[in-house]
Each structure stands twice: as structure tokens, then as C-alpha cells.
């Protein structure tokens, strides 16, 4: 696949790393105003660094936009004259709706929105996808890209704001939970390195149990808890202190914030 990433910041670099690691490219153009920030990709086979967005578009079939929302409209207008019937446009820009993109480049273009998270750099992203009517004809291309970089799920655009909170912001939420587990392990006698190792791989195991077995979390919890045991004692104490309600309230707060951003853009 001939892919260009327009705006190779933190997310763009994560996508690029995932694409390169998983051999998902025929060619990859990475654009950034200051190439010093992406010099780590210099020298990779079939990877090209440029400050010229138009050149990247001309040389690619799939264009992934990973820029700041404030710059997106201007860049779309810049590249619009160079878009052809072959181009698939994939936007990772939060809150920039498909009708607004269509208003700039036209409804006849293949337009897809993707919401990956930074775990894409290690091939473990949970990426949500949606598209315009034309884009539905190319959604399998986006799924093929992002399934090589983790797991993808196609959803209505109306759910993309919520998906941003659950999947993109969710990385930070899970990091905080892992950090708290690490701190507890240190308090229980492990050194910092051991504590983080215990927390990381236990969380990975918990997720993989659900992925592999397809069970509800409570089913797996029931396998661990015993009457009057230490696990249920700990779980109940966490719930008394508001673990679940705090997590839910935090995610709802993030959702409200992203909706405010959306209103400001409109």
C-alpha cells in the first residue's frame, strides 16, 4: 500500500512505527514542518520524509491525516486540487466530522475517520472507524491497515466521540490503573521494577482472558474469588472507596469535555 501520513506528530509517529514494523507499506511518506522531529525514520526502506504535503499526496493512494484540528481545513484545501478518484482519505482528527470534510473535498471522495490509540506503535491499538457513503466502499482497506496494527471496529460516526474517550483517552486511564497497582506492589514489598512487571503482565493477562474466552469480566472475577477470601475483601474495599464510580465519572467528564470542543469547532 502507498500510504502518506500528513502531520507526523506523536500519533503519526506511532502509526508510522506500526506500519513499518508490520510491513504494511509499499511506500510511506511522512510529512512534518520540521523534519528534525522525525529523523528517526530516515533510512528505512521505502520511507520518505518531506515537508511537502502535496508531494506526499501525489505519491500515495491512502492519505492518513494526523494533524492538529486547527490546521486540518487549511491542509485539506491545499491538497484538494491533487486528489484523484484513487485516493482514500483517513482522518484521525478528533471532532472534525465527515460532513465538514465532505464540504471541503466533496462527497464523491472516499472519506474515513479513524480513532486509534498510541498502542498502535506496538501493534495493539483499538481503532474505531466510520465513513461517508463513498467511504463504505473502501472501509475494508482501513480495516486491513488497522487490524495489522491491533484491532478495529466499525461504528456510526455518532459514537466516535465516545470511542475517543474509551479507546484513545482510555490508554491514559489504564496507565494510571497500572501505576496504582505498581505503587501497591511496592508497598507490599516488591522493588519498583518488579512491581511494574507484576502490574503490566497481570493486566495483559486479564485482557487476554476476556479476548480469548469471550467471557464477561464478572465470570472471570468469579473464578478468582472464594467465600471470605482475600480477593473479594480487596474488591469490596475498592468499591467502597469508589473505584468503579470514579472511573465511570472520569470517563463521562472526558466525554463532556470532548463534546464542548466539538461545539466550539461548529
C-alpha atoms as a PDB file:
ATOM      1  CA  UNK A   1       0.000   0.000   0.000  1.00  0.00           C
ATOM      2  CA  UNK A   2       1.183   3.502  -0.858  1.00  0.00           C
ATOM      3  CA  UNK A   3       0.484   5.477   2.297  1.00  0.00           C
ATOM      4  CA  UNK A   4       1.154   9.054   3.378  1.00  0.00           C
ATOM      5  CA  UNK A   5       0.872  10.378   6.911  1.00  0.00           C
ATOM      6  CA  UNK A   6       0.225  14.112   6.875  1.00  0.00           C
ATOM      7  CA  UNK A   7       1.449  15.584  10.146  1.00  0.00           C
ATOM      8  CA  UNK A   8       3.777  13.107  11.803  1.00  0.00           C
ATOM      9  CA  UNK A   9       3.464  14.160  15.431  1.00  0.00           C
ATOM     10  CA  UNK A  10       3.073  11.756  18.353  1.00  0.00           C
ATOM     11  CA  UNK A  11       0.111   9.855  16.877  1.00  0.00           C
ATOM     12  CA  UNK A  12       1.521   9.998  13.351  1.00  0.00           C
ATOM     13  CA  UNK A  13       4.817   8.561  14.547  1.00  0.00           C
ATOM     14  CA  UNK A  14       3.002   5.781  16.390  1.00  0.00           C
ATOM     15  CA  UNK A  15       1.087   4.879  13.232  1.00  0.00           C
ATOM     16  CA  UNK A  16       4.295   5.008  11.182  1.00  0.00           C
ATOM     17  CA  UNK A  17       6.111   2.700  13.609  1.00  0.00           C
ATOM     18  CA  UNK A  18       3.250   0.234  13.482  1.00  0.00           C
ATOM     19  CA  UNK A  19       3.090   0.277   9.684  1.00  0.00           C
ATOM     20  CA  UNK A  20       6.845  -0.208   9.332  1.00  0.00           C
ATOM     21  CA  UNK A  21       7.072  -2.933  11.983  1.00  0.00           C
ATOM     22  CA  UNK A  22       4.204  -4.871  10.417  1.00  0.00           C
ATOM     23  CA  UNK A  23       5.446  -4.470   6.819  1.00  0.00           C
ATOM     24  CA  UNK A  24       2.152  -2.851   5.850  1.00  0.00           C
ATOM     25  CA  UNK A  25       3.559  -0.469   3.236  1.00  0.00           C
ATOM     26  CA  UNK A  26       4.750  -0.361  -0.346  1.00  0.00           C
ATOM     27  CA  UNK A  27       5.826   3.203   0.274  1.00  0.00           C
ATOM     28  CA  UNK A  28       5.339   5.548   3.206  1.00  0.00           C
ATOM     29  CA  UNK A  29       5.584   9.334   3.022  1.00  0.00           C
ATOM     30  CA  UNK A  30       5.846  11.169   6.324  1.00  0.00           C
ATOM     31  CA  UNK A  31       5.321  14.918   6.420  1.00  0.00           C
ATOM     32  CA  UNK A  32       6.219  17.424   9.092  1.00  0.00           C
ATOM     33  CA  UNK A  33       7.159  21.091   9.036  1.00  0.00           C
ATOM     34  CA  UNK A  34      10.348  20.330  10.981  1.00  0.00           C
ATOM     35  CA  UNK A  35      11.902  17.100   9.719  1.00  0.00           C
ATOM     36  CA  UNK A  36      14.247  17.011  12.711  1.00  0.00           C
ATOM     37  CA  UNK A  37      11.298  15.664  14.703  1.00  0.00           C
ATOM     38  CA  UNK A  38      11.004  12.552  12.509  1.00  0.00           C
ATOM     39  CA  UNK A  39      14.650  11.905  11.671  1.00  0.00           C
ATOM     40  CA  UNK A  40      14.366   8.529  13.465  1.00  0.00           C
ATOM     41  CA  UNK A  41      12.587   7.258  10.335  1.00  0.00           C
ATOM     42  CA  UNK A  42      15.345   8.370   7.982  1.00  0.00           C
ATOM     43  CA  UNK A  43      16.978   5.381   6.313  1.00  0.00           C
ATOM     44  CA  UNK A  44      14.050   2.969   6.473  1.00  0.00           C
ATOM     45  CA  UNK A  45      13.432   1.281   3.137  1.00  0.00           C
ATOM     46  CA  UNK A  46      10.624   2.895   1.107  1.00  0.00           C
ATOM     47  CA  UNK A  47      10.053   5.555   3.786  1.00  0.00           C
ATOM     48  CA  UNK A  48      10.330   9.160   2.640  1.00  0.00           C
ATOM     49  CA  UNK A  49      10.452  12.275   4.814  1.00  0.00           C
ATOM     50  CA  UNK A  50       9.206  15.575   3.410  1.00  0.00           C
ATOM     51  CA  UNK A  51       7.812  18.964   4.350  1.00  0.00           C
ATOM     52  CA  UNK A  52       5.712  18.930   1.166  1.00  0.00           C
ATOM     53  CA  UNK A  53       2.172  17.644   1.798  1.00  0.00           C
ATOM     54  CA  UNK A  54       1.262  17.916  -1.884  1.00  0.00           C
ATOM     55  CA  UNK A  55       4.197  15.721  -2.934  1.00  0.00           C
ATOM     56  CA  UNK A  56       3.173  13.124  -0.351  1.00  0.00           C
ATOM     57  CA  UNK A  57      -0.395  13.113  -1.683  1.00  0.00           C
ATOM     58  CA  UNK A  58       0.746  12.765  -5.279  1.00  0.00           C
ATOM     59  CA  UNK A  59       2.897   9.737  -4.420  1.00  0.00           C
ATOM     60  CA  UNK A  60       0.299   7.915  -2.313  1.00  0.00           C
ATOM     61  CA  UNK A  61      -3.100   6.234  -2.561  1.00  0.00           C
ATOM     62  CA  UNK A  62      -4.044   6.291   1.124  1.00  0.00           C
ATOM     63  CA  UNK A  63      -3.714   9.588   2.986  1.00  0.00           C
ATOM     64  CA  UNK A  64      -3.775   9.487   6.792  1.00  0.00           C
ATOM     65  CA  UNK A  65      -4.243  12.912   8.370  1.00  0.00           C
ATOM     66  CA  UNK A  66      -2.796  13.128  11.901  1.00  0.00           C
ATOM     67  CA  UNK A  67      -2.576  16.896  12.351  1.00  0.00           C
ATOM     68  CA  UNK A  68      -3.980  19.405  14.819  1.00  0.00           C
ATOM     69  CA  UNK A  69      -7.667  20.235  14.211  1.00  0.00           C
ATOM     70  CA  UNK A  70      -6.863  23.917  13.673  1.00  0.00           C
ATOM     71  CA  UNK A  71      -4.652  23.078  10.678  1.00  0.00           C
ATOM     72  CA  UNK A  72      -6.832  20.440   9.055  1.00  0.00           C
ATOM     73  CA  UNK A  73      -9.129  22.633   6.980  1.00  0.00           C
ATOM     74  CA  UNK A  74      -6.240  24.610   5.509  1.00  0.00           C
ATOM     75  CA  UNK A  75      -4.309  21.477   4.578  1.00  0.00           C
ATOM     76  CA  UNK A  76      -7.391  19.893   3.001  1.00  0.00           C
ATOM     77  CA  UNK A  77      -7.815  22.985   0.844  1.00  0.00           C
ATOM     78  CA  UNK A  78      -4.135  22.833  -0.113  1.00  0.00           C
ATOM     79  CA  UNK A  79      -4.221  19.209  -1.253  1.00  0.00           C
ATOM     80  CA  UNK A  80      -7.752  19.212  -2.703  1.00  0.00           C
ATOM     81  CA  UNK A  81      -6.640  20.028  -6.299  1.00  0.00           C
ATOM     82  CA  UNK A  82      -4.335  16.999  -6.231  1.00  0.00           C
ATOM     83  CA  UNK A  83      -6.868  14.438  -5.004  1.00  0.00           C
ATOM     84  CA  UNK A  84      -7.998  11.850  -7.538  1.00  0.00           C
ATOM     85  CA  UNK A  85     -10.557   9.054  -7.693  1.00  0.00           C
ATOM     86  CA  UNK A  86      -7.920   6.648  -6.299  1.00  0.00           C
ATOM     87  CA  UNK A  87      -7.327   8.467  -3.008  1.00  0.00           C
ATOM     88  CA  UNK A  88      -8.696   7.171   0.271  1.00  0.00           C
ATOM     89  CA  UNK A  89      -8.719   9.874   2.950  1.00  0.00           C
ATOM     90  CA  UNK A  90      -8.391   8.701   6.551  1.00  0.00           C
ATOM     91  CA  UNK A  91      -8.761  11.365   9.233  1.00  0.00           C
ATOM     92  CA  UNK A  92      -7.644  10.828  12.828  1.00  0.00           C
ATOM     93  CA  UNK A  93      -8.650  14.366  13.840  1.00  0.00           C
ATOM     94  CA  UNK A  94     -10.857  14.466  16.919  1.00  0.00           C
ATOM     95  CA  UNK A  95     -14.237  16.138  16.460  1.00  0.00           C
ATOM     96  CA  UNK A  96     -13.808  17.013  12.773  1.00  0.00           C
ATOM     97  CA  UNK A  97     -16.962  15.496  11.311  1.00  0.00           C
ATOM     98  CA  UNK A  98     -17.331  13.792   7.954  1.00  0.00           C
ATOM     99  CA  UNK A  99     -19.889  16.321   6.597  1.00  0.00           C
ATOM    100  CA  UNK A 100     -17.346  19.090   7.224  1.00  0.00           C
ATOM    101  CA  UNK A 101     -14.656  17.131   5.356  1.00  0.00           C
ATOM    102  CA  UNK A 102     -17.115  16.478   2.518  1.00  0.00           C
ATOM    103  CA  UNK A 103     -17.856  20.196   2.395  1.00  0.00           C
ATOM    104  CA  UNK A 104     -14.197  20.841   1.585  1.00  0.00           C
ATOM    105  CA  UNK A 105     -13.175  17.950  -0.695  1.00  0.00           C
ATOM    106  CA  UNK A 106     -16.579  16.760  -1.956  1.00  0.00           C
ATOM    107  CA  UNK A 107     -18.984  13.911  -1.193  1.00  0.00           C
ATOM    108  CA  UNK A 108     -17.530  11.873  -4.048  1.00  0.00           C
ATOM    109  CA  UNK A 109     -14.304  11.229  -2.137  1.00  0.00           C
ATOM    110  CA  UNK A 110     -13.623   8.104  -0.085  1.00  0.00           C
ATOM    111  CA  UNK A 111     -13.629   9.556   3.439  1.00  0.00           C
ATOM    112  CA  UNK A 112     -12.969   7.518   6.570  1.00  0.00           C
ATOM    113  CA  UNK A 113     -12.483   8.633  10.144  1.00  0.00           C
ATOM    114  CA  UNK A 114     -10.229   6.523  12.354  1.00  0.00           C
ATOM    115  CA  UNK A 115      -9.709   6.806  16.088  1.00  0.00           C
ATOM    116  CA  UNK A 116      -6.645   4.733  17.015  1.00  0.00           C
ATOM    117  CA  UNK A 117      -4.676   4.992  20.230  1.00  0.00           C
ATOM    118  CA  UNK A 118      -0.932   5.189  20.857  1.00  0.00           C
ATOM    119  CA  UNK A 119      -0.675   1.409  21.340  1.00  0.00           C
ATOM    120  CA  UNK A 120      -0.647   1.363  17.542  1.00  0.00           C
ATOM    121  CA  UNK A 121       3.140   1.763  17.839  1.00  0.00           C
ATOM    122  CA  UNK A 122       3.343  -1.785  19.223  1.00  0.00           C
ATOM    123  CA  UNK A 123       0.573  -3.271  17.066  1.00  0.00           C
ATOM    124  CA  UNK A 124      -2.037  -3.278  19.845  1.00  0.00           C
ATOM    125  CA  UNK A 125      -4.321  -0.349  19.034  1.00  0.00           C
ATOM    126  CA  UNK A 126      -8.078  -0.440  19.483  1.00  0.00           C
ATOM    127  CA  UNK A 127      -9.153   1.626  16.475  1.00  0.00           C
ATOM    128  CA  UNK A 128     -12.710   2.713  15.746  1.00  0.00           C
ATOM    129  CA  UNK A 129     -13.700   3.518  12.150  1.00  0.00           C
ATOM    130  CA  UNK A 130     -16.583   5.265  10.417  1.00  0.00           C
ATOM    131  CA  UNK A 131     -17.064   6.590   6.886  1.00  0.00           C
ATOM    132  CA  UNK A 132     -19.192   8.557   4.473  1.00  0.00           C
ATOM    133  CA  UNK A 133     -21.328   6.730   1.909  1.00  0.00           C
ATOM    134  CA  UNK A 134     -18.470   6.592  -0.604  1.00  0.00           C
ATOM    135  CA  UNK A 135     -16.006   5.577   2.086  1.00  0.00           C
ATOM    136  CA  UNK A 136     -18.015   2.442   2.846  1.00  0.00           C
ATOM    137  CA  UNK A 137     -16.652   1.071  -0.438  1.00  0.00           C
ATOM    138  CA  UNK A 138     -13.104   1.360   0.959  1.00  0.00           C
ATOM    139  CA  UNK A 139     -13.703   0.649   4.650  1.00  0.00           C
ATOM    140  CA  UNK A 140     -12.155  -2.804   4.201  1.00  0.00           C
ATOM    141  CA  UNK A 141      -8.884  -1.093   3.261  1.00  0.00           C
ATOM    142  CA  UNK A 142      -8.907   0.849   6.529  1.00  0.00           C
ATOM    143  CA  UNK A 143      -9.800  -2.301   8.455  1.00  0.00           C
ATOM    144  CA  UNK A 144      -6.922  -4.152   6.788  1.00  0.00           C
ATOM    145  CA  UNK A 145      -4.495  -1.400   7.814  1.00  0.00           C
ATOM    146  CA  UNK A 146      -5.629  -1.066  11.399  1.00  0.00           C
ATOM    147  CA  UNK A 147      -6.179  -4.790  12.006  1.00  0.00           C
ATOM    148  CA  UNK A 148      -2.483  -5.227  11.265  1.00  0.00           C
ATOM    149  CA  UNK A 149      -1.869  -2.645  13.957  1.00  0.00           C
ATOM    150  CA  UNK A 150      -4.207  -4.108  16.554  1.00  0.00           C
ATOM    151  CA  UNK A 151      -7.988  -4.459  16.370  1.00  0.00           C
ATOM    152  CA  UNK A 152     -10.564  -2.307  14.577  1.00  0.00           C
ATOM    153  CA  UNK A 153     -14.298  -1.819  14.955  1.00  0.00           C
ATOM    154  CA  UNK A 154     -16.599  -0.003  12.508  1.00  0.00           C
ATOM    155  CA  UNK A 155     -19.198   2.164  14.265  1.00  0.00           C
ATOM    156  CA  UNK A 156     -21.591   5.019  13.395  1.00  0.00           C
ATOM    157  CA  UNK A 157     -19.998   8.455  13.397  1.00  0.00           C
ATOM    158  CA  UNK A 158     -22.374   9.453  16.199  1.00  0.00           C
ATOM    159  CA  UNK A 159     -20.384   7.158  18.528  1.00  0.00           C
ATOM    160  CA  UNK A 160     -16.922   8.435  17.602  1.00  0.00           C
ATOM    161  CA  UNK A 161     -16.796  10.999  20.402  1.00  0.00           C
ATOM    162  CA  UNK A 162     -17.463   8.269  22.966  1.00  0.00           C
ATOM    163  CA  UNK A 163     -14.955   5.974  21.265  1.00  0.00           C
ATOM    164  CA  UNK A 164     -12.312   8.673  21.639  1.00  0.00           C
ATOM    165  CA  UNK A 165     -12.795   8.633  25.401  1.00  0.00           C
ATOM    166  CA  UNK A 166     -12.956   4.842  25.749  1.00  0.00           C
ATOM    167  CA  UNK A 167     -10.088   3.963  23.399  1.00  0.00           C
ATOM    168  CA  UNK A 168      -7.788   6.970  22.927  1.00  0.00           C
ATOM    169  CA  UNK A 169      -8.053   8.595  26.350  1.00  0.00           C
ATOM    170  CA  UNK A 170      -8.514   5.086  27.709  1.00  0.00           C
ATOM    171  CA  UNK A 171      -4.804   4.395  27.285  1.00  0.00           C
ATOM    172  CA  UNK A 172      -4.088   7.071  29.891  1.00  0.00           C
ATOM    173  CA  UNK A 173      -6.790   5.741  32.200  1.00  0.00           C
ATOM    174  CA  UNK A 174      -5.341   2.220  32.059  1.00  0.00           C
ATOM    175  CA  UNK A 175      -1.820   3.568  32.588  1.00  0.00           C
ATOM    176  CA  UNK A 176      -2.995   5.235  35.776  1.00  0.00           C
ATOM    177  CA  UNK A 177      -4.568   1.979  36.989  1.00  0.00           C
ATOM    178  CA  UNK A 178      -1.352   0.091  36.234  1.00  0.00           C
ATOM    179  CA  UNK A 179       0.646   2.757  38.044  1.00  0.00           C
ATOM    180  CA  UNK A 180      -1.605   2.443  41.097  1.00  0.00           C
ATOM    181  CA  UNK A 181      -1.155  -1.338  41.054  1.00  0.00           C
ATOM    182  CA  UNK A 182       2.594  -0.814  40.844  1.00  0.00           C
ATOM    183  CA  UNK A 183       2.541   1.525  43.840  1.00  0.00           C
ATOM    184  CA  UNK A 184       0.557  -1.010  45.848  1.00  0.00           C
ATOM    185  CA  UNK A 185       3.017  -3.767  44.931  1.00  0.00           C
ATOM    186  CA  UNK A 186       5.900  -1.596  46.135  1.00  0.00           C
ATOM    187  CA  UNK A 187       4.100  -1.017  49.419  1.00  0.00           C
ATOM    188  CA  UNK A 188       3.671  -4.786  49.714  1.00  0.00           C
ATOM    189  CA  UNK A 189       7.420  -5.338  49.455  1.00  0.00           C
ATOM    190  CA  UNK A 190       8.460  -5.530  45.782  1.00  0.00           C
ATOM    191  CA  UNK A 191      11.053  -3.232  44.305  1.00  0.00           C
ATOM    192  CA  UNK A 192       9.884  -0.735  41.667  1.00  0.00           C
ATOM    193  CA  UNK A 193      10.988  -2.752  38.628  1.00  0.00           C
ATOM    194  CA  UNK A 194       9.430  -5.973  39.910  1.00  0.00           C
ATOM    195  CA  UNK A 195       6.257  -4.136  40.910  1.00  0.00           C
ATOM    196  CA  UNK A 196       5.748  -2.670  37.440  1.00  0.00           C
ATOM    197  CA  UNK A 197       6.452  -6.030  35.820  1.00  0.00           C
ATOM    198  CA  UNK A 198       3.818  -7.683  38.016  1.00  0.00           C
ATOM    199  CA  UNK A 199       1.275  -4.952  37.235  1.00  0.00           C
ATOM    200  CA  UNK A 200       1.905  -4.895  33.470  1.00  0.00           C
ATOM    201  CA  UNK A 201       1.716  -8.592  32.809  1.00  0.00           C
ATOM    202  CA  UNK A 202      -1.202  -9.166  35.155  1.00  0.00           C
ATOM    203  CA  UNK A 203      -3.232  -6.515  33.320  1.00  0.00           C
ATOM    204  CA  UNK A 204      -2.213  -8.040  29.981  1.00  0.00           C
ATOM    205  CA  UNK A 205      -3.323 -11.469  31.213  1.00  0.00           C
ATOM    206  CA  UNK A 206      -6.681 -10.136  32.391  1.00  0.00           C
ATOM    207  CA  UNK A 207      -7.400  -8.546  29.000  1.00  0.00           C
ATOM    208  CA  UNK A 208      -6.305 -11.654  27.107  1.00  0.00           C
ATOM    209  CA  UNK A 209      -8.588 -13.861  29.194  1.00  0.00           C
ATOM    210  CA  UNK A 210     -11.560 -11.805  28.018  1.00  0.00           C
ATOM    211  CA  UNK A 211     -10.336 -11.637  24.418  1.00  0.00           C
ATOM    212  CA  UNK A 212      -9.648 -15.373  24.222  1.00  0.00           C
ATOM    213  CA  UNK A 213     -12.587 -16.723  26.221  1.00  0.00           C
ATOM    214  CA  UNK A 214     -15.169 -14.086  25.290  1.00  0.00           C
ATOM    215  CA  UNK A 215     -16.473 -14.040  28.845  1.00  0.00           C
ATOM    216  CA  UNK A 216     -17.983 -11.189  30.832  1.00  0.00           C
ATOM    217  CA  UNK A 217     -15.468  -9.745  33.339  1.00  0.00           C
ATOM    218  CA  UNK A 218     -17.621 -10.921  36.252  1.00  0.00           C
ATOM    219  CA  UNK A 219     -17.286 -14.525  35.074  1.00  0.00           C
ATOM    220  CA  UNK A 220     -13.511 -14.272  35.318  1.00  0.00           C
ATOM    221  CA  UNK A 221     -13.797 -12.495  38.676  1.00  0.00           C
ATOM    222  CA  UNK A 222     -15.923 -15.386  39.967  1.00  0.00           C
ATOM    223  CA  UNK A 223     -13.088 -17.780  39.067  1.00  0.00           C
ATOM    224  CA  UNK A 224     -10.722 -15.866  41.361  1.00  0.00           C
ATOM    225  CA  UNK A 225     -12.949 -15.033  44.321  1.00  0.00           C
ATOM    226  CA  UNK A 226     -13.688 -17.514  47.101  1.00  0.00           C
ATOM    227  CA  UNK A 227     -16.037 -17.165  50.087  1.00  0.00           C
ATOM    228  CA  UNK A 228     -14.456 -14.975  52.782  1.00  0.00           C
ATOM    229  CA  UNK A 229     -11.279 -14.844  50.658  1.00  0.00           C
ATOM    230  CA  UNK A 230      -8.704 -12.107  50.193  1.00  0.00           C
ATOM    231  CA  UNK A 231      -9.793 -11.250  46.631  1.00  0.00           C
ATOM    232  CA  UNK A 232     -13.400 -10.397  47.474  1.00  0.00           C
ATOM    233  CA  UNK A 233     -12.171  -8.499  50.537  1.00  0.00           C
ATOM    234  CA  UNK A 234      -9.986  -6.335  48.308  1.00  0.00           C
ATOM    235  CA  UNK A 235     -12.651  -5.871  45.626  1.00  0.00           C
ATOM    236  CA  UNK A 236     -15.269  -4.796  48.160  1.00  0.00           C
ATOM    237  CA  UNK A 237     -12.880  -2.306  49.768  1.00  0.00           C
ATOM    238  CA  UNK A 238     -12.095  -0.808  46.333  1.00  0.00           C
ATOM    239  CA  UNK A 239     -15.804  -0.462  45.563  1.00  0.00           C
ATOM    240  CA  UNK A 240     -16.458   1.115  48.980  1.00  0.00           C
ATOM    241  CA  UNK A 241     -13.805   3.694  48.069  1.00  0.00           C
ATOM    242  CA  UNK A 242     -15.478   4.335  44.699  1.00  0.00           C
ATOM    243  CA  UNK A 243     -13.243   2.556  42.178  1.00  0.00           C
ATOM    244  CA  UNK A 244     -15.921   1.838  39.561  1.00  0.00           C
ATOM    245  CA  UNK A 245     -17.872   5.060  40.101  1.00  0.00           C
ATOM    246  CA  UNK A 246     -14.691   7.178  39.910  1.00  0.00           C
ATOM    247  CA  UNK A 247     -13.645   5.552  36.647  1.00  0.00           C
ATOM    248  CA  UNK A 248     -17.110   5.972  35.142  1.00  0.00           C
ATOM    249  CA  UNK A 249     -17.373   9.594  36.284  1.00  0.00           C
ATOM    250  CA  UNK A 250     -13.929  10.357  34.904  1.00  0.00           C
ATOM    251  CA  UNK A 251     -14.815   8.934  31.506  1.00  0.00           C
ATOM    252  CA  UNK A 252     -18.095  10.853  31.439  1.00  0.00           C
ATOM    253  CA  UNK A 253     -16.172  14.044  32.307  1.00  0.00           C
ATOM    254  CA  UNK A 254     -13.834  13.404  29.379  1.00  0.00           C
ATOM    255  CA  UNK A 255     -16.841  12.820  27.119  1.00  0.00           C
ATOM    256  CA  UNK A 256     -18.418  16.107  28.212  1.00  0.00           C
ATOM    257  CA  UNK A 257     -15.142  17.915  27.532  1.00  0.00           C
ATOM    258  CA  UNK A 258     -14.801  16.470  24.024  1.00  0.00           C
ATOM    259  CA  UNK A 259     -18.399  17.485  23.276  1.00  0.00           C
ATOM    260  CA  UNK A 260     -17.560  21.041  24.320  1.00  0.00           C
ATOM    261  CA  UNK A 261     -14.599  21.008  21.922  1.00  0.00           C
ATOM    262  CA  UNK A 262     -16.940  19.807  19.181  1.00  0.00           C
ATOM    263  CA  UNK A 263     -19.397  22.660  19.885  1.00  0.00           C
ATOM    264  CA  UNK A 264     -16.577  25.225  19.739  1.00  0.00           C
ATOM    265  CA  UNK A 265     -15.477  23.884  16.335  1.00  0.00           C
ATOM    266  CA  UNK A 266     -19.030  24.060  14.997  1.00  0.00           C
END
